[in-house]
Amino acid sequence: MAICRCVIFLALCVAISFAQARPALAGGKPNIIVVGADSDPASVRHDSRVHARAASALSDQLHEAGFDVFDAVNLLPQQASRARRTDREIVIAARQAKRPPLDIGVIFSTYTKSRENDYGIWLGARVAGRMLNVRTGQLLATFELTSPKLRRAPSACTRPCLMEIIGREAQILARDMGAALAEKLIWVSDPGPASPRKAQPPIASVTNGYALVLDGFTPEDITGIEEYLVVFRDYTRHRPVRVGGRHHEFWYESRASSGRLYRNLKKMLAHMGVRGRIDFAGNVFTIAKISQRAQRGFEKGDW
């Protein structure tokens, strides 16, 4: 069985279609979302237990490889969480996500296989999909993995029993698929030579993601603010999400707690000599600059 699984894994690695050019991803390590598409009537619905086990196994493999994987339930709008959803619907929703901004989408479907004869019921699964750059639509990989052989269900196996067998098979396939996709992502996100390397293990402490919304600040103010953001203790990385004349938004990652970051932001404003109001809700810091009206004086004789 071990040899069989190894052969399947190698076959999957060969079957994945790699893009010829290494795509550029903002911020180095990409933000990833793993989400199920089930517009095909033959596919398993994304809200089923079978599909959920496959999604968890795939996400776990990418997470163990050191990548940041975000929950689709909290990021996709309600219209993308209905019983059946299309690839196009998922991609549009992923592009609109800002907190955090998403880079890579792993969109997959789960299928069941069954055969019944005089000897019993035989079950299997298939997992297929694609990985793409959410922002550009560039295809990074396509994948498909099928059970090498159908498994015979025990006699008198009821529906919950059948679903358990199929769910376990889908979970095994998704885990193998996730390991292969992690190798592809290492190659995609590594700015160095194309030779593969092992991903860095995740940092022991939890990295928190915050949305920083800055209102009323000039571009010169923002330049100064960014200099403070990168020197805060436990800083990990940050990236702009929206840039305007007086409105700026950043996605900010740090191992600091929200309380520490709040104190650091207050000290930052004080050191900059800027009056401002800081509001915090969920994982969003809104910093509004309190500006004073400019004084326009006139020299004697102007009139």
Protein backbone atom coordinates (compact mmCIF):
# COMPACT_ATOMS: atom_id res chain seq x y z
CA MET A 1 0.00 0.00 0.00
CA ALA A 2 2.88 2.41 0.83
CA ILE A 3 4.42 1.81 -2.61
CA CYS A 4 1.03 2.39 -4.23
CA ARG A 5 0.56 5.73 -2.43
CA CYS A 6 4.08 6.80 -3.44
CA VAL A 7 3.38 6.00 -7.09
CA ILE A 8 0.12 7.95 -6.93
CA PHE A 9 1.87 10.97 -5.39
CA LEU A 10 4.58 10.97 -8.05
CA ALA A 11 1.97 10.65 -10.76
CA LEU A 12 0.13 13.65 -9.34
CA CYS A 13 3.30 15.74 -9.34
CA VAL A 14 3.83 14.88 -13.00
CA ALA A 15 0.17 15.52 -13.86
CA ILE A 16 0.13 19.03 -12.41
CA SER A 17 0.57 21.59 -15.20
CA PHE A 18 3.21 24.17 -14.25
CA ALA A 19 3.22 27.71 -15.63
CA GLN A 20 6.30 28.50 -17.72
CA ALA A 21 7.02 31.84 -16.09
CA ARG A 22 7.34 32.36 -12.38
CA PRO A 23 4.51 34.80 -11.50
CA ALA A 24 5.22 37.77 -9.26
CA LEU A 25 3.27 37.79 -6.01
CA ALA A 26 2.89 40.87 -3.85
CA GLY A 27 4.51 40.69 -0.44
CA GLY A 28 6.50 37.48 -1.02
CA LYS A 29 4.54 34.80 0.83
CA PRO A 30 1.04 34.65 -0.73
CA ASN A 31 -2.29 34.66 1.07
CA ILE A 32 -4.20 31.54 0.03
CA ILE A 33 -7.86 30.57 0.03
CA VAL A 34 -9.03 26.99 -0.48
CA VAL A 35 -12.61 26.85 -1.67
CA GLY A 36 -14.92 24.32 -3.28
CA ALA A 37 -16.76 24.82 -6.55
CA ASP A 38 -19.81 22.64 -7.14
CA SER A 39 -21.64 24.08 -10.14
CA ASP A 40 -21.21 20.70 -11.84
CA PRO A 41 -24.34 18.72 -10.87
CA ALA A 42 -22.23 15.57 -10.67
CA SER A 43 -19.95 17.04 -7.99
CA VAL A 44 -20.43 16.79 -4.24
CA ARG A 45 -21.97 19.90 -2.71
CA HIS A 46 -19.48 22.11 -0.90
CA ASP A 47 -21.60 22.06 2.27
CA SER A 48 -21.41 18.26 2.55
CA ARG A 49 -19.32 16.36 5.09
CA VAL A 50 -17.36 14.61 2.33
CA HIS A 51 -16.30 17.87 0.73
CA ALA A 52 -15.50 19.45 4.11
CA ARG A 53 -13.04 16.65 4.94
CA ALA A 54 -11.27 17.10 1.62
CA ALA A 55 -11.06 20.88 2.08
CA SER A 56 -9.63 20.51 5.60
CA ALA A 57 -6.99 18.01 4.49
CA LEU A 58 -5.91 20.20 1.55
CA SER A 59 -5.74 23.33 3.71
CA ASP A 60 -3.80 21.53 6.45
CA GLN A 61 -1.09 20.46 4.00
CA LEU A 62 -0.59 24.01 2.75
CA HIS A 63 -0.57 25.33 6.31
CA GLU A 64 2.01 22.76 7.42
CA ALA A 65 4.22 23.87 4.51
CA GLY A 66 4.33 27.36 6.05
CA PHE A 67 1.73 29.18 3.95
CA ASP A 68 -1.04 31.45 5.21
CA VAL A 69 -4.40 29.81 4.44
CA PHE A 70 -7.61 31.72 5.19
CA ASP A 71 -11.12 30.40 5.83
CA ALA A 72 -13.43 30.83 2.85
CA VAL A 73 -16.50 30.94 5.11
CA ASN A 74 -15.46 34.29 6.62
CA LEU A 75 -14.07 35.85 3.43
CA LEU A 76 -16.62 35.03 0.73
CA PRO A 77 -19.92 36.95 0.62
CA GLN A 78 -23.22 35.20 1.27
CA GLN A 79 -24.05 34.82 -2.41
CA ALA A 80 -20.88 32.72 -2.80
CA SER A 81 -21.91 30.41 0.05
CA ARG A 82 -25.09 29.07 -1.47
CA ALA A 83 -25.58 25.38 -2.26
CA ARG A 84 -24.03 25.55 -5.75
CA ARG A 85 -21.33 28.02 -6.76
CA THR A 86 -19.23 28.57 -9.89
CA ASP A 87 -15.52 29.19 -10.43
CA ARG A 88 -16.25 32.68 -11.75
CA GLU A 89 -18.31 33.56 -8.70
CA ILE A 90 -15.50 32.41 -6.39
CA VAL A 91 -12.77 34.33 -8.26
CA ILE A 92 -14.78 37.57 -8.23
CA ALA A 93 -15.42 37.23 -4.50
CA ALA A 94 -11.74 36.46 -3.81
CA ARG A 95 -10.62 39.56 -5.74
CA GLN A 96 -12.95 41.73 -3.69
CA ALA A 97 -11.53 40.48 -0.38
CA LYS A 98 -9.41 43.18 1.26
CA ARG A 99 -9.00 42.04 4.83
CA PRO A 100 -6.83 40.17 4.10
CA PRO A 101 -6.11 40.62 0.38
CA LEU A 102 -5.89 37.24 -1.35
CA ASP A 103 -3.26 36.14 -3.87
CA ILE A 104 -3.77 32.44 -4.62
CA GLY A 105 -7.03 30.56 -5.04
CA VAL A 106 -7.17 26.77 -4.89
CA ILE A 107 -10.57 25.93 -6.39
CA PHE A 108 -11.53 22.27 -6.37
CA SER A 109 -14.45 19.89 -6.75
CA THR A 110 -15.06 16.50 -5.16
CA TYR A 111 -16.73 13.57 -6.92
CA THR A 112 -17.86 10.16 -5.72
CA LYS A 113 -17.48 6.83 -7.51
CA SER A 114 -19.56 3.76 -6.80
CA ARG A 115 -20.29 0.36 -8.26
CA GLU A 116 -22.65 -2.31 -7.01
CA ASN A 117 -22.61 -6.01 -7.88
CA ASP A 118 -23.39 -9.35 -6.30
CA TYR A 119 -20.39 -9.02 -4.01
CA GLY A 120 -21.41 -5.70 -2.48
CA ILE A 121 -21.02 -1.94 -2.91
CA TRP A 122 -17.65 -0.54 -4.04
CA LEU A 123 -16.79 3.10 -3.36
CA GLY A 124 -14.14 5.65 -4.34
CA ALA A 125 -13.60 9.37 -4.87
CA ARG A 126 -12.04 11.89 -7.24
CA VAL A 127 -10.70 15.38 -6.50
CA ALA A 128 -10.06 17.84 -9.33
CA GLY A 129 -9.49 21.56 -9.71
CA ARG A 130 -7.03 24.33 -10.42
CA MET A 131 -4.78 26.81 -8.68
CA LEU A 132 -4.60 30.38 -9.98
CA ASN A 133 -3.35 33.87 -9.25
CA VAL A 134 -6.49 35.63 -8.02
CA ARG A 135 -5.37 39.09 -9.11
CA THR A 136 -4.24 38.33 -12.65
CA GLY A 137 -6.23 35.18 -13.40
CA GLN A 138 -3.00 33.39 -14.39
CA LEU A 139 -3.35 29.61 -14.21
CA LEU A 140 -0.65 28.14 -11.97
CA ALA A 141 -1.65 24.48 -11.92
CA THR A 142 -4.42 22.03 -12.71
CA PHE A 143 -4.82 18.81 -10.79
CA GLU A 144 -6.85 15.63 -10.64
CA LEU A 145 -6.45 12.62 -8.41
CA THR A 146 -8.64 9.50 -8.38
CA SER A 147 -8.86 6.54 -6.04
CA PRO A 148 -6.55 3.84 -7.45
CA LYS A 149 -9.12 1.18 -6.61
CA LEU A 150 -12.62 1.12 -5.23
CA ARG A 151 -13.10 0.03 -1.63
CA ARG A 152 -15.74 -2.53 -0.72
CA ALA A 153 -18.22 -1.29 1.85
CA PRO A 154 -19.03 -3.60 4.78
CA SER A 155 -22.24 -5.56 4.56
CA ALA A 156 -25.31 -3.75 5.92
CA CYS A 157 -23.47 -0.43 5.54
CA THR A 158 -26.05 2.36 5.91
CA ARG A 159 -25.81 5.83 4.35
CA PRO A 160 -23.73 7.34 7.24
CA CYS A 161 -21.35 4.40 6.88
CA LEU A 162 -21.07 4.94 3.11
CA MET A 163 -20.42 8.66 3.57
CA GLU A 164 -17.67 7.86 6.07
CA ILE A 165 -15.88 5.62 3.56
CA ILE A 166 -16.15 8.15 0.73
CA GLY A 167 -15.16 11.01 3.02
CA ARG A 168 -12.06 9.15 4.18
CA GLU A 169 -11.04 8.43 0.58
CA ALA A 170 -11.56 12.08 -0.44
CA GLN A 171 -9.50 13.16 2.57
CA ILE A 172 -6.57 10.92 1.54
CA LEU A 173 -6.64 12.19 -2.04
CA ALA A 174 -6.82 15.84 -0.94
CA ARG A 175 -3.89 15.40 1.44
CA ASP A 176 -1.69 14.00 -1.34
CA MET A 177 -2.84 16.78 -3.64
CA GLY A 178 -2.09 19.45 -1.02
CA ALA A 179 1.46 18.19 -0.58
CA ALA A 180 2.11 18.44 -4.32
CA LEU A 181 0.55 21.91 -4.55
CA ALA A 182 2.70 23.08 -1.63
CA GLU A 183 5.81 22.21 -3.64
CA LYS A 184 4.44 24.22 -6.54
CA LEU A 185 3.69 27.19 -4.27
CA ILE A 186 7.21 27.12 -2.85
CA TRP A 187 8.51 27.50 -6.38
CA VAL A 188 6.00 30.27 -7.16
CA SER A 189 6.64 32.36 -4.04
CA ASP A 190 10.43 31.94 -3.89
CA PRO A 191 12.07 34.97 -5.54
CA GLY A 192 15.40 33.17 -5.82
CA PRO A 193 16.57 30.42 -8.22
CA ALA A 194 13.91 28.09 -9.57
CA SER A 195 15.40 25.05 -7.85
CA PRO A 196 12.96 23.81 -5.21
CA ARG A 197 13.68 24.28 -1.53
CA LYS A 198 11.90 23.36 1.65
CA ALA A 199 9.46 25.88 3.04
CA GLN A 200 10.32 27.59 6.29
CA PRO A 201 8.38 26.14 9.22
CA PRO A 202 5.63 28.31 10.65
CA ILE A 203 6.64 30.65 13.47
CA ALA A 204 5.75 29.28 16.87
CA SER A 205 3.71 32.28 17.99
CA VAL A 206 0.53 33.23 16.17
CA THR A 207 0.73 35.93 13.50
CA ASN A 208 -2.24 38.29 13.63
CA GLY A 209 -3.62 40.18 10.65
CA TYR A 210 -4.96 43.72 11.02
CA ALA A 211 -6.55 46.18 8.62
CA LEU A 212 -5.21 49.70 9.10
CA VAL A 213 -7.51 52.39 7.68
CA LEU A 214 -5.98 55.87 7.68
CA ASP A 215 -8.22 58.85 6.95
CA GLY A 216 -7.09 62.43 6.39
CA PHE A 217 -3.37 61.74 6.13
CA THR A 218 -1.26 63.19 3.32
CA PRO A 219 1.12 61.02 1.27
CA GLU A 220 3.98 62.59 3.26
CA ASP A 221 2.27 61.54 6.51
CA ILE A 222 1.89 57.99 5.19
CA THR A 223 5.60 57.79 4.36
CA GLY A 224 6.38 58.64 7.97
CA ILE A 225 3.77 56.23 9.31
CA GLU A 226 5.21 53.33 7.30
CA GLU A 227 8.62 53.98 8.83
CA TYR A 228 7.05 53.46 12.26
CA LEU A 229 4.99 50.40 11.25
CA VAL A 230 8.04 48.37 10.20
CA VAL A 231 9.95 48.98 13.45
CA PHE A 232 7.12 48.06 15.82
CA ARG A 233 7.99 45.04 17.92
CA ASP A 234 6.88 41.68 16.44
CA TYR A 235 6.28 43.20 13.00
CA THR A 236 5.95 40.56 10.25
CA ARG A 237 4.97 42.34 7.03
CA HIS A 238 2.51 44.83 5.57
CA ARG A 239 1.14 45.73 2.18
CA PRO A 240 -1.00 48.54 0.75
CA VAL A 241 -4.58 47.66 -0.16
CA ARG A 242 -5.89 51.07 -1.17
CA VAL A 243 -3.99 54.30 -1.81
CA GLY A 244 -5.53 57.74 -2.33
CA GLY A 245 -4.84 61.39 -1.71
CA ARG A 246 -6.23 61.40 1.85
CA HIS A 247 -7.38 57.80 2.36
CA HIS A 248 -5.04 54.83 2.70
CA GLU A 249 -5.57 51.21 3.73
CA PHE A 250 -2.94 48.63 4.70
CA TRP A 251 -3.02 44.96 5.57
CA TYR A 252 -0.65 44.64 8.54
CA GLU A 253 0.64 41.37 10.00
CA SER A 254 2.27 41.17 13.41
CA ARG A 255 2.70 38.75 16.30
CA ALA A 256 1.75 41.60 18.62
CA SER A 257 -1.63 41.60 20.34
CA SER A 258 -4.24 44.16 19.40
CA GLY A 259 -3.62 45.94 22.72
CA ARG A 260 0.09 46.36 22.05
CA LEU A 261 -0.52 47.55 18.50
CA TYR A 262 -3.07 50.07 19.77
CA ARG A 263 -0.53 51.48 22.23
CA ASN A 264 2.14 51.61 19.53
CA LEU A 265 -0.17 53.51 17.19
CA LYS A 266 -0.96 56.06 19.91
CA LYS A 267 2.75 56.57 20.59
CA MET A 268 3.38 56.90 16.86
CA LEU A 269 0.92 59.77 16.53
CA ALA A 270 2.44 61.47 19.57
CA HIS A 271 5.99 61.16 18.21
CA MET A 272 4.85 62.52 14.84
CA GLY A 273 3.13 65.45 16.51
CA VAL A 274 -0.16 64.54 14.86
CA ARG A 275 -3.56 64.69 16.53
CA GLY A 276 -5.77 61.74 15.66
CA ARG A 277 -8.53 59.40 16.79
CA ILE A 278 -8.02 55.63 16.86
CA ASP A 279 -11.01 53.27 16.71
CA PHE A 280 -10.76 49.50 16.86
CA ALA A 281 -13.36 46.83 16.02
CA GLY A 282 -12.76 43.19 15.10
CA ASN A 283 -9.35 43.34 13.46
CA VAL A 284 -9.73 46.83 11.95
CA PHE A 285 -7.91 49.91 13.25
CA THR A 286 -9.35 53.16 11.89
CA ILE A 287 -7.04 56.14 12.41
CA ALA A 288 -8.55 59.53 11.58
CA LYS A 289 -6.34 62.59 11.51
CA ILE A 290 -7.72 65.63 13.33
CA SER A 291 -6.60 68.61 11.30
CA GLN A 292 -6.60 72.23 12.33
CA ARG A 293 -7.72 74.93 9.99
CA ALA A 294 -4.78 76.59 8.31
CA GLN A 295 -4.22 80.18 9.41
CA ARG A 296 -4.00 82.63 6.54
CA GLY A 297 -2.45 85.92 7.67
CA PHE A 298 -1.99 89.10 5.71
CA GLU A 299 0.91 91.46 5.83
CA LYS A 300 0.26 95.11 6.47
CA GLY A 301 -0.36 96.83 3.18
CA ASP A 302 -1.96 93.80 1.49
CA TRP A 303 -5.19 95.71 1.55
